[in-house]
Amino acid sequence: VMLKRAFGIERMPSLELSRVQNLSARLAAKMQEPAFLDMAENLYKSRMAEIGSSDQFKQQQAKVALQDELLVPCYLDVLREANIPDFEPDDNGYVKLQTVVSLNAGDPVVSQNVSAALVAFNSRVPIMA
Protein backbone atom coordinates (compact mmCIF):
# COMPACT_ATOMS: atom_id res chain seq x y z
CA VAL A 1 0.00 0.00 0.00
CA MET A 2 2.81 2.44 0.91
CA LEU A 3 4.60 1.92 -2.40
CA LYS A 4 1.39 2.57 -4.31
CA ARG A 5 0.37 5.64 -2.33
CA ALA A 6 3.78 7.24 -1.95
CA PHE A 7 5.46 6.28 -5.21
CA GLY A 8 2.71 5.13 -7.58
CA ILE A 9 4.19 1.63 -7.75
CA GLU A 10 1.20 -0.60 -8.44
CA ARG A 11 3.01 -3.94 -8.18
CA MET A 12 6.22 -4.74 -6.40
CA PRO A 13 8.21 -7.13 -8.59
CA SER A 14 9.86 -10.01 -6.80
CA LEU A 15 13.43 -11.18 -7.18
CA GLU A 16 15.00 -14.47 -6.26
CA LEU A 17 17.12 -14.31 -3.12
CA SER A 18 20.28 -15.10 -5.09
CA ARG A 19 19.60 -12.05 -7.29
CA VAL A 20 19.09 -9.81 -4.25
CA GLN A 21 22.32 -11.14 -2.76
CA ASN A 22 24.15 -10.36 -5.99
CA LEU A 23 22.68 -6.86 -6.19
CA SER A 24 23.54 -6.13 -2.58
CA ALA A 25 27.11 -7.32 -3.22
CA ARG A 26 27.42 -5.06 -6.26
CA LEU A 27 26.04 -2.13 -4.31
CA ALA A 28 28.42 -2.81 -1.41
CA ALA A 29 31.37 -2.96 -3.80
CA LYS A 30 30.45 0.40 -5.35
CA MET A 31 30.03 2.04 -1.96
CA GLN A 32 33.42 0.76 -0.79
CA GLU A 33 35.46 1.73 -3.86
CA PRO A 34 38.40 3.85 -2.63
CA ALA A 35 37.90 6.51 -5.32
CA PHE A 36 34.20 6.83 -4.45
CA LEU A 37 34.93 7.05 -0.72
CA ASP A 38 37.65 9.68 -1.31
CA MET A 39 35.31 11.77 -3.47
CA ALA A 40 32.42 11.41 -1.01
CA GLU A 41 34.59 12.29 1.99
CA ASN A 42 36.00 15.39 0.27
CA LEU A 43 32.51 16.53 -0.75
CA TYR A 44 31.21 15.96 2.79
CA LYS A 45 34.07 17.92 4.38
CA SER A 46 33.64 20.74 1.89
CA ARG A 47 29.89 21.02 2.50
CA MET A 48 30.26 20.90 6.28
CA ALA A 49 33.02 23.54 6.17
CA GLU A 50 30.77 25.83 4.11
CA ILE A 51 28.00 25.54 6.71
CA GLY A 52 30.13 25.68 9.83
CA SER A 53 29.54 23.86 13.07
CA SER A 54 27.08 26.31 14.60
CA ASP A 55 24.08 25.56 12.37
CA GLN A 56 23.00 22.00 13.17
CA PHE A 57 19.80 22.29 11.14
CA LYS A 58 21.63 23.26 7.95
CA GLN A 59 24.15 20.51 8.57
CA GLN A 60 21.36 17.95 8.80
CA GLN A 61 19.78 19.27 5.60
CA ALA A 62 23.15 19.00 3.87
CA LYS A 63 23.57 15.42 5.08
CA VAL A 64 20.18 14.44 3.64
CA ALA A 65 21.07 16.13 0.35
CA LEU A 66 24.39 14.26 0.29
CA GLN A 67 22.61 10.94 0.74
CA ASP A 68 20.60 11.72 -2.37
CA GLU A 69 23.61 13.03 -4.26
CA LEU A 70 26.04 10.24 -3.33
CA LEU A 71 24.10 7.06 -2.56
CA VAL A 72 21.20 7.13 -5.01
CA PRO A 73 23.58 7.17 -8.01
CA CYS A 74 25.24 4.00 -6.64
CA TYR A 75 21.87 2.25 -6.66
CA LEU A 76 21.06 3.53 -10.13
CA ASP A 77 24.43 2.35 -11.46
CA VAL A 78 23.78 -1.13 -10.07
CA LEU A 79 20.33 -1.16 -11.69
CA ARG A 80 21.74 0.05 -15.00
CA GLU A 81 24.39 -2.68 -14.98
CA ALA A 82 21.97 -5.40 -13.87
CA ASN A 83 19.34 -4.52 -16.50
CA ILE A 84 16.49 -6.22 -14.62
CA PRO A 85 12.97 -5.95 -16.05
CA ASP A 86 10.71 -3.88 -13.77
CA PHE A 87 13.76 -2.37 -12.01
CA GLU A 88 14.50 0.63 -14.19
CA PRO A 89 17.48 2.86 -13.32
CA ASP A 90 15.23 5.70 -12.16
CA ASP A 91 13.59 6.90 -8.95
CA ASN A 92 11.05 4.05 -8.94
CA GLY A 93 13.80 1.52 -9.58
CA TYR A 94 15.73 2.98 -6.64
CA VAL A 95 12.67 2.56 -4.40
CA LYS A 96 12.11 -0.99 -5.64
CA LEU A 97 15.74 -1.98 -5.05
CA GLN A 98 15.71 -0.42 -1.58
CA THR A 99 12.51 -2.33 -0.86
CA VAL A 100 13.74 -5.77 -1.98
CA VAL A 101 17.01 -5.31 -0.10
CA SER A 102 15.07 -4.29 3.02
CA LEU A 103 12.66 -7.21 2.66
CA ASN A 104 15.64 -9.57 2.49
CA ALA A 105 17.67 -7.90 5.25
CA GLY A 106 17.31 -11.01 7.40
CA ASP A 107 19.39 -13.02 4.94
CA PRO A 108 22.97 -13.26 6.24
CA VAL A 109 24.55 -12.47 2.85
CA VAL A 110 22.37 -9.43 2.19
CA SER A 111 22.84 -8.23 5.76
CA GLN A 112 26.61 -8.60 5.58
CA ASN A 113 26.78 -6.75 2.25
CA VAL A 114 24.64 -3.87 3.45
CA SER A 115 26.49 -3.62 6.76
CA ALA A 116 29.89 -3.62 5.10
CA ALA A 117 28.83 -0.87 2.71
CA LEU A 118 27.28 1.31 5.39
CA VAL A 119 30.13 0.91 7.86
CA ALA A 120 32.75 1.75 5.24
CA PHE A 121 30.77 4.71 3.93
CA ASN A 122 29.64 6.12 7.27
CA SER A 123 33.11 5.84 8.78
CA ARG A 124 34.35 8.32 6.17
CA VAL A 125 31.15 10.25 5.45
CA PRO A 126 29.01 10.33 8.62
CA ILE A 127 25.71 11.41 7.08
CA MET A 128 23.51 8.58 8.31
CA ALA A 129 23.57 9.22 12.03
Foldseek 3Di string as FASTA:
>chain_A
DCCCVVPVDPDQDADDPVVLLVLLLQLLCVLQPPVLLVVLLVVLVVLCVVVDDPDPVVNLVVLVVSCCVRRLVSSLVSCVVVVDPPQHSDPSNSVSSVVNLVVCCPDPSSVVSVVSSCVSNCVRRVSPD
